Structure formats: structure tokens, C-alpha cells
PDB file of N, CA and C in Angstrom:
ATOM      1  N   ALA A   1     283.773 140.485 127.472  1.00  0.00           N
ATOM      2  CA  ALA A   1     284.250 140.951 126.352  1.00  0.00           C
ATOM      3  C   ALA A   1     283.784 139.764 124.909  1.00  0.00           C
ATOM      4  N   THR A   2     284.563 138.695 125.628  1.00  0.00           N
ATOM      5  CA  THR A   2     284.525 137.474 124.188  1.00  0.00           C
ATOM      6  C   THR A   2     283.429 137.281 123.583  1.00  0.00           C
ATOM      7  N   ILE A   3     282.446 137.277 124.260  1.00  0.00           N
ATOM      8  CA  ILE A   3     281.058 136.794 124.151  1.00  0.00           C
ATOM      9  C   ILE A   3     280.453 137.545 123.246  1.00  0.00           C
ATOM     10  N   LEU A   4     280.544 139.018 123.272  1.00  0.00           N
ATOM     11  CA  LEU A   4     280.099 140.345 123.035  1.00  0.00           C
ATOM     12  C   LEU A   4     280.429 140.414 121.611  1.00  0.00           C
ATOM     13  N   SER A   5     281.889 140.474 121.804  1.00  0.00           N
ATOM     14  CA  SER A   5     282.670 140.067 120.091  1.00  0.00           C
ATOM     15  C   SER A   5     282.377 139.137 119.310  1.00  0.00           C
ATOM     16  N   ALA A   6     282.597 138.075 119.444  1.00  0.00           N
ATOM     17  CA  ALA A   6     281.711 137.271 118.968  1.00  0.00           C
ATOM     18  C   ALA A   6     280.509 136.725 118.331  1.00  0.00           C
ATOM     19  N   ASN A   7     279.764 137.674 119.440  1.00  0.00           N
ATOM     20  CA  ASN A   7     277.983 138.156 119.015  1.00  0.00           C
ATOM     21  C   ASN A   7     278.219 139.054 118.260  1.00  0.00           C
ATOM     22  N   TYR A   8     279.263 140.344 117.910  1.00  0.00           N
ATOM     23  CA  TYR A   8     278.872 141.100 117.174  1.00  0.00           C
ATOM     24  C   TYR A   8     279.582 140.440 115.898  1.00  0.00           C
ATOM     25  N   ILE A   9     280.617 139.753 115.594  1.00  0.00           N
ATOM     26  CA  ILE A   9     280.739 138.916 114.213  1.00  0.00           C
ATOM     27  C   ILE A   9     279.504 138.420 113.563  1.00  0.00           C
ATOM     28  N   SER A  10     279.308 137.428 114.614  1.00  0.00           N
ATOM     29  CA  SER A  10     277.922 136.793 113.768  1.00  0.00           C
ATOM     30  C   SER A  10     277.045 137.598 113.764  1.00  0.00           C
ATOM     31  N   ALA A  11     276.457 138.529 113.852  1.00  0.00           N
ATOM     32  CA  ALA A  11     275.584 139.210 113.494  1.00  0.00           C
ATOM     33  C   ALA A  11     276.168 139.664 112.699  1.00  0.00           C
ATOM     34  N   ARG A  12     277.357 140.484 112.245  1.00  0.00           N
ATOM     35  CA  ARG A  12     277.381 141.149 111.178  1.00  0.00           C
ATOM     36  C   ARG A  12     277.499 139.821 109.631  1.00  0.00           C
ATOM     37  N   LEU A  13     277.898 139.355 110.037  1.00  0.00           N
ATOM     38  CA  LEU A  13     278.149 137.875 108.837  1.00  0.00           C
ATOM     39  C   LEU A  13     277.389 137.871 108.834  1.00  0.00           C
ATOM     40  N   ARG A  14     276.082 137.562 109.474  1.00  0.00           N
ATOM     41  CA  ARG A  14     274.660 136.637 109.334  1.00  0.00           C
ATOM     42  C   ARG A  14     274.143 136.423 108.073  1.00  0.00           C
ATOM     43  N   ASP A  15     274.208 137.909 107.224  1.00  0.00           N
ATOM     44  CA  ASP A  15     273.274 138.114 106.059  1.00  0.00           C
ATOM     45  C   ASP A  15     274.561 137.151 104.426  1.00  0.00           C
ATOM     46  N   HIS A  16     276.102 136.983 104.977  1.00  0.00           N
ATOM     47  CA  HIS A  16     277.114 136.510 104.417  1.00  0.00           C
ATOM     48  C   HIS A  16     277.480 135.005 104.424  1.00  0.00           C
ATOM     49  N   TYR A  17     277.636 134.580 105.613  1.00  0.00           N
ATOM     50  CA  TYR A  17     277.787 133.304 106.178  1.00  0.00           C
ATOM     51  C   TYR A  17     277.075 132.795 107.352  1.00  0.00           C
ATOM     52  N   PRO A  18     276.310 131.503 107.360  1.00  0.00           N
ATOM     53  CA  PRO A  18     275.806 130.481 107.747  1.00  0.00           C
ATOM     54  C   PRO A  18     276.386 130.452 109.376  1.00  0.00           C
ATOM     55  N   THR A  19     276.051 130.826 111.033  1.00  0.00           N
ATOM     56  CA  THR A  19     276.874 130.405 112.304  1.00  0.00           C
ATOM     57  C   THR A  19     276.416 129.098 112.776  1.00  0.00           C
ATOM     58  N   LEU A  20     277.238 128.837 112.561  1.00  0.00           N
ATOM     59  CA  LEU A  20     276.704 127.176 113.416  1.00  0.00           C
ATOM     60  C   LEU A  20     276.336 126.909 115.211  1.00  0.00           C
ATOM     61  N   TYR A  21     275.930 126.464 116.009  1.00  0.00           N
ATOM     62  CA  TYR A  21     275.690 126.188 116.974  1.00  0.00           C
ATOM     63  C   TYR A  21     275.544 128.148 117.615  1.00  0.00           C
ATOM     64  N   ALA A  22     274.274 128.420 117.280  1.00  0.00           N
ATOM     65  CA  ALA A  22     273.707 129.762 117.371  1.00  0.00           C
ATOM     66  C   ALA A  22     272.439 129.128 118.543  1.00  0.00           C
ATOM     67  N   GLY A  23     272.243 129.853 119.383  1.00  0.00           N
ATOM     68  CA  GLY A  23     270.956 129.420 120.423  1.00  0.00           C
ATOM     69  C   GLY A  23     269.200 130.345 119.780  1.00  0.00           C
ATOM     70  N   GLU A  24     268.347 129.910 120.444  1.00  0.00           N
ATOM     71  CA  GLU A  24     267.214 130.445 119.852  1.00  0.00           C
ATOM     72  C   GLU A  24     267.236 131.731 119.082  1.00  0.00           C
ATOM     73  N   HIS A  25     267.752 132.506 119.578  1.00  0.00           N
ATOM     74  CA  HIS A  25     267.890 134.005 119.447  1.00  0.00           C
ATOM     75  C   HIS A  25     268.959 134.931 118.122  1.00  0.00           C
ATOM     76  N   GLY A  26     269.628 133.285 117.607  1.00  0.00           N
ATOM     77  CA  GLY A  26     270.895 133.338 116.901  1.00  0.00           C
ATOM     78  C   GLY A  26     272.056 133.871 118.032  1.00  0.00           C
ATOM     79  N   HIS A  27     272.643 133.952 119.476  1.00  0.00           N
ATOM     80  CA  HIS A  27     273.651 134.327 119.836  1.00  0.00           C
ATOM     81  C   HIS A  27     274.171 132.959 120.510  1.00  0.00           C
ATOM     82  N   VAL A  28     275.687 133.528 119.923  1.00  0.00           N
ATOM     83  CA  VAL A  28     276.710 132.767 120.373  1.00  0.00           C
ATOM     84  C   VAL A  28     277.304 132.656 121.261  1.00  0.00           C
ATOM     85  N   ALA A  29     278.306 131.408 121.756  1.00  0.00           N
ATOM     86  CA  ALA A  29     279.228 131.805 122.882  1.00  0.00           C
ATOM     87  C   ALA A  29     280.748 132.650 122.773  1.00  0.00           C
ATOM     88  N   HIS A  30     281.746 131.977 123.338  1.00  0.00           N
ATOM     89  CA  HIS A  30     282.796 132.879 123.350  1.00  0.00           C
ATOM     90  C   HIS A  30     283.480 132.929 121.683  1.00  0.00           C
ATOM     91  N   GLU A  31     282.728 132.104 121.474  1.00  0.00           N
ATOM     92  CA  GLU A  31     283.559 131.198 119.524  1.00  0.00           C
ATOM     93  C   GLU A  31     281.990 131.816 118.180  1.00  0.00           C
ATOM     94  N   CYS A  32     282.771 132.197 117.178  1.00  0.00           N
ATOM     95  CA  CYS A  32     281.521 131.960 116.174  1.00  0.00           C
ATOM     96  C   CYS A  32     281.765 130.929 115.202  1.00  0.00           C
ATOM     97  N   ILE A  33     281.183 130.019 115.108  1.00  0.00           N
ATOM     98  CA  ILE A  33     282.112 128.903 113.943  1.00  0.00           C
ATOM     99  C   ILE A  33     280.783 129.097 113.205  1.00  0.00           C
ATOM    100  N   LEU A  34     281.799 129.435 111.635  1.00  0.00           N
ATOM    101  CA  LEU A  34     281.195 129.845 110.498  1.00  0.00           C
ATOM    102  C   LEU A  34     281.036 128.568 109.748  1.00  0.00           C
ATOM    103  N   ASP A  35     280.121 128.500 108.778  1.00  0.00           N
ATOM    104  CA  ASP A  35     279.702 127.094 108.005  1.00  0.00           C
ATOM    105  C   ASP A  35     279.903 127.594 106.967  1.00  0.00           C
ATOM    106  N   LEU A  36     280.469 127.062 106.272  1.00  0.00           N
ATOM    107  CA  LEU A  36     281.581 127.000 104.391  1.00  0.00           C
ATOM    108  C   LEU A  36     281.323 125.991 103.935  1.00  0.00           C
ATOM    109  N   ARG A  37     281.064 125.171 104.234  1.00  0.00           N
ATOM    110  CA  ARG A  37     280.488 123.936 103.277  1.00  0.00           C
ATOM    111  C   ARG A  37     279.616 124.425 102.203  1.00  0.00           C
ATOM    112  N   PRO A  38     278.386 124.891 102.306  1.00  0.00           N
ATOM    113  CA  PRO A  38     278.198 124.881 100.984  1.00  0.00           C
ATOM    114  C   PRO A  38     279.035 125.617  99.960  1.00  0.00           C
ATOM    115  N   PHE A  39     279.663 126.328 100.461  1.00  0.00           N
ATOM    116  CA  PHE A  39     280.419 126.374  99.164  1.00  0.00           C
ATOM    117  C   PHE A  39     281.550 125.866  98.852  1.00  0.00           C
ATOM    118  N   LYS A  40     282.131 124.419  99.269  1.00  0.00           N
ATOM    119  CA  LYS A  40     282.457 123.096  98.534  1.00  0.00           C
ATOM    120  C   LYS A  40     281.737 122.989  98.092  1.00  0.00           C
ATOM    121  N   GLU A  41     280.121 122.748  97.435  1.00  0.00           N
ATOM    122  CA  GLU A  41     279.426 122.052  96.630  1.00  0.00           C
ATOM    123  C   GLU A  41     279.889 123.005  95.308  1.00  0.00           C
ATOM    124  N   SER A  42     279.152 124.244  95.791  1.00  0.00           N
ATOM    125  CA  SER A  42     278.795 125.904  94.996  1.00  0.00           C
ATOM    126  C   SER A  42     279.655 125.785  93.852  1.00  0.00           C
ATOM    127  N   THR A  43     281.468 125.800  94.423  1.00  0.00           N
ATOM    128  CA  THR A  43     282.364 126.816  93.886  1.00  0.00           C
ATOM    129  C   THR A  43     283.364 125.843  93.844  1.00  0.00           C
ATOM    130  N   GLY A  44     283.779 124.620  94.946  1.00  0.00           N
ATOM    131  CA  GLY A  44     284.999 123.762  95.474  1.00  0.00           C
ATOM    132  C   GLY A  44     285.567 124.535  96.205  1.00  0.00           C
ATOM    133  N   VAL A  45     285.316 125.933  96.896  1.00  0.00           N
ATOM    134  CA  VAL A  45     286.236 126.532  97.757  1.00  0.00           C
ATOM    135  C   VAL A  45     286.210 126.174  99.190  1.00  0.00           C
ATOM    136  N   MET A  46     287.080 125.867 100.269  1.00  0.00           N
ATOM    137  CA  MET A  46     287.597 125.189 101.514  1.00  0.00           C
ATOM    138  C   MET A  46     287.756 126.694 102.014  1.00  0.00           C
ATOM    139  N   ALA A  47     287.204 125.803 103.376  1.00  0.00           N
ATOM    140  CA  ALA A  47     287.693 126.587 104.389  1.00  0.00           C
ATOM    141  C   ALA A  47     289.476 127.133 104.537  1.00  0.00           C
ATOM    142  N   GLU A  48     290.101 125.775 104.176  1.00  0.00           N
ATOM    143  CA  GLU A  48     291.554 126.325 103.923  1.00  0.00           C
ATOM    144  C   GLU A  48     292.049 127.605 102.829  1.00  0.00           C
ATOM    145  N   ASP A  49     291.058 127.894 102.011  1.00  0.00           N
ATOM    146  CA  ASP A  49     290.840 128.621 100.800  1.00  0.00           C
ATOM    147  C   ASP A  49     291.074 129.840 101.378  1.00  0.00           C
ATOM    148  N   VAL A  50     289.704 129.827 102.077  1.00  0.00           N
ATOM    149  CA  VAL A  50     289.131 130.962 103.145  1.00  0.00           C
ATOM    150  C   VAL A  50     290.140 131.879 104.113  1.00  0.00           C
ATOM    151  N   ALA A  51     290.590 130.306 105.086  1.00  0.00           N
ATOM    152  CA  ALA A  51     291.668 130.838 105.745  1.00  0.00           C
ATOM    153  C   ALA A  51     293.059 131.613 104.964  1.00  0.00           C
ATOM    154  N   LYS A  52     293.173 131.094 104.229  1.00  0.00           N
ATOM    155  CA  LYS A  52     294.697 131.545 103.079  1.00  0.00           C
ATOM    156  C   LYS A  52     294.253 133.036 102.483  1.00  0.00           C
ATOM    157  N   ARG A  53     292.912 133.313 102.303  1.00  0.00           N
ATOM    158  CA  ARG A  53     292.780 134.394 101.986  1.00  0.00           C
ATOM    159  C   ARG A  53     293.113 135.809 103.143  1.00  0.00           C
ATOM    160  N   LEU A  54     291.995 135.077 104.372  1.00  0.00           N
ATOM    161  CA  LEU A  54     292.080 136.287 105.268  1.00  0.00           C
ATOM    162  C   LEU A  54     293.522 136.409 105.456  1.00  0.00           C
ATOM    163  N   ILE A  55     295.007 135.335 105.520  1.00  0.00           N
ATOM    164  CA  ILE A  55     296.319 135.916 105.544  1.00  0.00           C
ATOM    165  C   ILE A  55     296.886 137.245 104.523  1.00  0.00           C
ATOM    166  N   ASP A  56     295.906 136.751 103.611  1.00  0.00           N
ATOM    167  CA  ASP A  56     296.029 138.055 102.813  1.00  0.00           C
ATOM    168  C   ASP A  56     296.022 139.704 102.834  1.00  0.00           C
ATOM    169  N   TYR A  57     295.397 139.441 103.920  1.00  0.00           N
ATOM    170  CA  TYR A  57     294.134 140.773 105.111  1.00  0.00           C
ATOM    171  C   TYR A  57     295.070 141.333 105.802  1.00  0.00           C
ATOM    172  N   SER A  58     295.992 139.976 106.227  1.00  0.00           N
ATOM    173  CA  SER A  58     296.989 140.106 107.338  1.00  0.00           C
ATOM    174  C   SER A  58     296.136 139.937 108.933  1.00  0.00           C
ATOM    175  N   PHE A  59     295.786 139.067 108.604  1.00  0.00           N
ATOM    176  CA  PHE A  59     294.607 138.513 110.072  1.00  0.00           C
ATOM    177  C   PHE A  59     295.469 136.564 109.590  1.00  0.00           C
ATOM    178  N   HIS A  60     295.173 136.522 111.188  1.00  0.00           N
ATOM    179  CA  HIS A  60     296.058 134.622 111.440  1.00  0.00           C
ATOM    180  C   HIS A  60     294.904 134.433 110.817  1.00  0.00           C
ATOM    181  N   ALA A  61     295.340 133.037 110.369  1.00  0.00           N
ATOM    182  CA  ALA A  61     293.984 132.090 110.377  1.00  0.00           C
ATOM    183  C   ALA A  61     293.396 131.222 111.561  1.00  0.00           C
ATOM    184  N   PRO A  62     292.314 131.058 111.580  1.00  0.00           N
ATOM    185  CA  PRO A  62     290.802 131.038 112.298  1.00  0.00           C
ATOM    186  C   PRO A  62     291.439 129.535 112.367  1.00  0.00           C
ATOM    187  N   ALA A  63     291.128 128.693 113.657  1.00  0.00           N
ATOM    188  CA  ALA A  63     290.779 127.402 113.514  1.00  0.00           C
ATOM    189  C   ALA A  63     289.883 126.552 112.583  1.00  0.00           C
ATOM    190  N   LEU A  64     290.213 125.867 112.244  1.00  0.00           N
ATOM    191  CA  LEU A  64     289.753 125.482 110.928  1.00  0.00           C
ATOM    192  C   LEU A  64     289.379 123.924 110.867  1.00  0.00           C
ATOM    193  N   SER A  65     288.028 124.035 110.018  1.00  0.00           N
ATOM    194  CA  SER A  65     287.318 122.356 110.613  1.00  0.00           C
ATOM    195  C   SER A  65     287.294 121.871 112.143  1.00  0.00           C
ATOM    196  N   PHE A  66     286.825 122.562 112.972  1.00  0.00           N
ATOM    197  CA  PHE A  66     286.905 122.384 113.715  1.00  0.00           C
ATOM    198  C   PHE A  66     285.890 123.196 114.538  1.00  0.00           C
ATOM    199  N   PRO A  67     284.978 122.196 115.142  1.00  0.00           N
ATOM    200  CA  PRO A  67     284.574 121.046 115.451  1.00  0.00           C
ATOM    201  C   PRO A  67     283.730 120.485 114.369  1.00  0.00           C
ATOM    202  N   VAL A  68     283.535 121.409 113.124  1.00  0.00           N
ATOM    203  CA  VAL A  68     282.735 120.415 112.039  1.00  0.00           C
ATOM    204  C   VAL A  68     283.922 120.680 110.871  1.00  0.00           C
ATOM    205  N   PRO A  69     284.168 119.848 110.286  1.00  0.00           N
ATOM    206  CA  PRO A  69     284.097 119.785 108.963  1.00  0.00           C
ATOM    207  C   PRO A  69     283.970 121.449 108.512  1.00  0.00           C
ATOM    208  N   ASN A  70     285.251 121.743 107.770  1.00  0.00           N
ATOM    209  CA  ASN A  70     285.243 123.187 106.407  1.00  0.00           C
ATOM    210  C   ASN A  70     283.876 124.175 107.319  1.00  0.00           C
ATOM    211  N   THR A  71     284.581 124.759 108.113  1.00  0.00           N
ATOM    212  CA  THR A  71     284.429 125.435 108.833  1.00  0.00           C
ATOM    213  C   THR A  71     285.076 126.306 109.370  1.00  0.00           C
ATOM    214  N   LEU A  72     285.119 127.721 110.036  1.00  0.00           N
ATOM    215  CA  LEU A  72     286.491 128.318 110.507  1.00  0.00           C
ATOM    216  C   LEU A  72     285.379 128.820 111.835  1.00  0.00           C
ATOM    217  N   MET A  73     286.453 128.600 113.224  1.00  0.00           N
ATOM    218  CA  MET A  73     286.182 128.676 114.267  1.00  0.00           C
ATOM    219  C   MET A  73     286.891 129.954 115.068  1.00  0.00           C
ATOM    220  N   VAL A  74     286.164 130.983 114.940  1.00  0.00           N
ATOM    221  CA  VAL A  74     286.561 132.656 115.137  1.00  0.00           C
ATOM    222  C   VAL A  74     286.205 132.964 116.559  1.00  0.00           C
ATOM    223  N   GLU A  75     287.145 132.786 117.308  1.00  0.00           N
ATOM    224  CA  GLU A  75     287.292 133.156 118.305  1.00  0.00           C
ATOM    225  C   GLU A  75     288.257 134.745 119.256  1.00  0.00           C
ATOM    226  N   PRO A  76     287.795 135.896 118.703  1.00  0.00           N
ATOM    227  CA  PRO A  76     287.960 136.919 119.389  1.00  0.00           C
ATOM    228  C   PRO A  76     288.314 137.249 120.519  1.00  0.00           C
ATOM    229  N   THR A  77     289.853 137.792 120.581  1.00  0.00           N
ATOM    230  CA  THR A  77     290.397 137.958 122.509  1.00  0.00           C
ATOM    231  C   THR A  77     289.393 139.501 122.859  1.00  0.00           C
ATOM    232  N   GLU A  78     289.679 139.323 124.240  1.00  0.00           N
ATOM    233  CA  GLU A  78     289.302 139.963 125.259  1.00  0.00           C
ATOM    234  C   GLU A  78     289.975 141.897 125.339  1.00  0.00           C
ATOM    235  N   SER A  79     291.182 141.055 124.011  1.00  0.00           N
ATOM    236  CA  SER A  79     291.728 142.893 123.418  1.00  0.00           C
ATOM    237  C   SER A  79     291.376 143.063 122.741  1.00  0.00           C
ATOM    238  N   GLU A  80     290.503 142.800 121.458  1.00  0.00           N
ATOM    239  CA  GLU A  80     290.711 143.416 119.699  1.00  0.00           C
ATOM    240  C   GLU A  80     289.385 144.671 119.809  1.00  0.00           C
ATOM    241  N   SER A  81     290.061 145.396 119.843  1.00  0.00           N
ATOM    242  CA  SER A  81     289.635 146.535 119.458  1.00  0.00           C
ATOM    243  C   SER A  81     288.198 146.533 118.548  1.00  0.00           C
ATOM    244  N   LEU A  82     287.179 147.218 118.674  1.00  0.00           N
ATOM    245  CA  LEU A  82     286.323 147.169 117.868  1.00  0.00           C
ATOM    246  C   LEU A  82     286.257 147.970 115.807  1.00  0.00           C
ATOM    247  N   TYR A  83     287.731 148.415 116.286  1.00  0.00           N
ATOM    248  CA  TYR A  83     288.238 148.844 114.924  1.00  0.00           C
ATOM    249  C   TYR A  83     288.459 147.266 114.074  1.00  0.00           C
ATOM    250  N   GLU A  84     289.760 146.386 114.988  1.00  0.00           N
ATOM    251  CA  GLU A  84     290.191 145.000 114.295  1.00  0.00           C
ATOM    252  C   GLU A  84     288.967 144.369 114.002  1.00  0.00           C
ATOM    253  N   LEU A  85     288.242 144.464 115.093  1.00  0.00           N
ATOM    254  CA  LEU A  85     286.454 143.307 114.829  1.00  0.00           C
ATOM    255  C   LEU A  85     285.679 143.508 113.484  1.00  0.00           C
ATOM    256  N   ASP A  86     286.061 145.003 112.998  1.00  0.00           N
ATOM    257  CA  ASP A  86     284.750 145.838 111.823  1.00  0.00           C
ATOM    258  C   ASP A  86     286.157 145.378 110.430  1.00  0.00           C
ATOM    259  N   ARG A  87     287.102 145.826 110.804  1.00  0.00           N
ATOM    260  CA  ARG A  87     288.323 145.303 109.884  1.00  0.00           C
ATOM    261  C   ARG A  87     288.220 143.626 109.565  1.00  0.00           C
ATOM    262  N   PHE A  88     288.474 142.141 110.374  1.00  0.00           N
ATOM    263  CA  PHE A  88     287.775 141.288 110.346  1.00  0.00           C
ATOM    264  C   PHE A  88     286.928 140.725 109.374  1.00  0.00           C
ATOM    265  N   VAL A  89     285.447 141.547 110.059  1.00  0.00           N
ATOM    266  CA  VAL A  89     283.781 141.463 109.228  1.00  0.00           C
ATOM    267  C   VAL A  89     284.380 141.932 107.829  1.00  0.00           C
ATOM    268  N   ASP A  90     284.936 142.604 107.433  1.00  0.00           N
ATOM    269  CA  ASP A  90     284.635 143.616 106.106  1.00  0.00           C
ATOM    270  C   ASP A  90     285.793 142.619 105.464  1.00  0.00           C
ATOM    271  N   ALA A  91     286.438 142.143 105.598  1.00  0.00           N
ATOM    272  CA  ALA A  91     287.314 141.119 105.059  1.00  0.00           C
ATOM    273  C   ALA A  91     286.259 140.039 104.860  1.00  0.00           C
ATOM    274  N   MET A  92     286.241 139.298 105.607  1.00  0.00           N
ATOM    275  CA  MET A  92     285.002 138.312 105.324  1.00  0.00           C
ATOM    276  C   MET A  92     284.255 138.490 104.030  1.00  0.00           C
ATOM    277  N   ILE A  93     283.568 139.580 104.274  1.00  0.00           N
ATOM    278  CA  ILE A  93     282.030 139.940 103.463  1.00  0.00           C
ATOM    279  C   ILE A  93     283.418 140.173 102.228  1.00  0.00           C
ATOM    280  N   ALA A  94     284.224 140.641 102.325  1.00  0.00           N
ATOM    281  CA  ALA A  94     284.462 140.798 100.598  1.00  0.00           C
ATOM    282  C   ALA A  94     285.080 139.458 100.369  1.00  0.00           C
ATOM    283  N   ILE A  95     285.594 138.697 100.788  1.00  0.00           N
ATOM    284  CA  ILE A  95     286.015 137.271 100.696  1.00  0.00           C
ATOM    285  C   ILE A  95     284.900 136.445 100.279  1.00  0.00           C
ATOM    286  N   ARG A  96     283.424 136.489 100.629  1.00  0.00           N
ATOM    287  CA  ARG A  96     282.473 135.959 100.189  1.00  0.00           C
ATOM    288  C   ARG A  96     281.832 136.825  98.885  1.00  0.00           C
ATOM    289  N   GLY A  97     282.674 137.869  98.635  1.00  0.00           N
ATOM    290  CA  GLY A  97     281.860 138.781  97.056  1.00  0.00           C
ATOM    291  C   GLY A  97     282.641 138.068  96.084  1.00  0.00           C
ATOM    292  N   GLU A  98     284.032 137.712  96.121  1.00  0.00           N
ATOM    293  CA  GLU A  98     284.780 137.037  95.988  1.00  0.00           C
ATOM    294  C   GLU A  98     284.436 134.857  95.326  1.00  0.00           C
ATOM    295  N   ILE A  99     283.456 134.636  96.274  1.00  0.00           N
ATOM    296  CA  ILE A  99     283.244 133.132  96.412  1.00  0.00           C
ATOM    297  C   ILE A  99     281.854 133.276  95.381  1.00  0.00           C
ATOM    298  N   ARG A 100     281.250 134.761  95.642  1.00  0.00           N
ATOM    299  CA  ARG A 100     279.991 135.071  95.181  1.00  0.00           C
ATOM    300  C   ARG A 100     280.114 134.506  93.659  1.00  0.00           C
ATOM    301  N   ALA A 101     281.200 135.805  93.143  1.00  0.00           N
ATOM    302  CA  ALA A 101     281.965 135.898  91.838  1.00  0.00           C
ATOM    303  C   ALA A 101     282.135 134.392  91.355  1.00  0.00           C
ATOM    304  N   ILE A 102     282.810 133.785  91.776  1.00  0.00           N
ATOM    305  CA  ILE A 102     283.033 132.515  91.184  1.00  0.00           C
ATOM    306  C   ILE A 102     281.489 131.415  90.913  1.00  0.00           C
ATOM    307  N   GLU A 103     280.965 131.545  91.984  1.00  0.00           N
ATOM    308  CA  GLU A 103     279.753 131.080  91.820  1.00  0.00           C
ATOM    309  C   GLU A 103     278.645 131.630  90.597  1.00  0.00           C
ATOM    310  N   GLN A 104     278.514 132.973  90.310  1.00  0.00           N
ATOM    311  CA  GLN A 104     278.299 133.287  89.401  1.00  0.00           C
ATOM    312  C   GLN A 104     279.105 133.515  87.966  1.00  0.00           C
ATOM    313  N   GLY A 105     280.053 133.160  87.526  1.00  0.00           N
ATOM    314  CA  GLY A 105     280.669 132.455  86.825  1.00  0.00           C
ATOM    315  C   GLY A 105     281.415 133.785  86.294  1.00  0.00           C
ATOM    316  N   ARG A 106     282.163 134.210  86.981  1.00  0.00           N
ATOM    317  CA  ARG A 106     282.563 135.616  87.109  1.00  0.00           C
ATOM    318  C   ARG A 106     283.972 135.580  87.243  1.00  0.00           C
TER     319      ARG A 106
END
């Protein structure tokens, strides 16, 4: 279940955040490592900023900057429901919208 959940998150976020260590067909293992490094240069937004914003959405912050600096390692547990996975993805998409607004000077 964790592999399916991690791949679900990776697929839903593919248009918003690059995923590191995806295989040839875009699949990940039991974790999804979201690459936030491009945002540091374009906006100054760091992984820590995104993690803190996730707390505002009532999520525990994922692993930060491991194994790659300025990334989030998302490891969904076997007990996460589809509702919670979607809620997390929706929060990450909303946060990406906030980052995009900074990129556009809004």
C-alpha cells in the first residue's frame, strides 16, 4: 500500500513538483522525494518554508533535505486513506500556487 500511495502522490504532483529518483516509467519506491531546489533560486522559498506551510494545513512536516538538500521526502503510511492522500496533494498544489505567485511578483 505504501508503494501505491507514494506513486499516487508522485503522479498527482508531477505537474507541480519534480520527483527525484523515479524509475524509467516515473515510478518511485515507498517514498516520494519532491525536489524544491529550483524554488530557492527563483523565489528564495526553501523546503523548510514548504514544511512549515504544510503544518498550517494540519500535516506533520515530511523529512526535510534528506537524502538531497532542499527536498521533501514524503513517506505515506499504509493506513493513510485516499481522502488524506488527496488532502495532502491538494495542500501541496495550493502551496505551489503560492510559490508561483511569488515567482510572478504577485
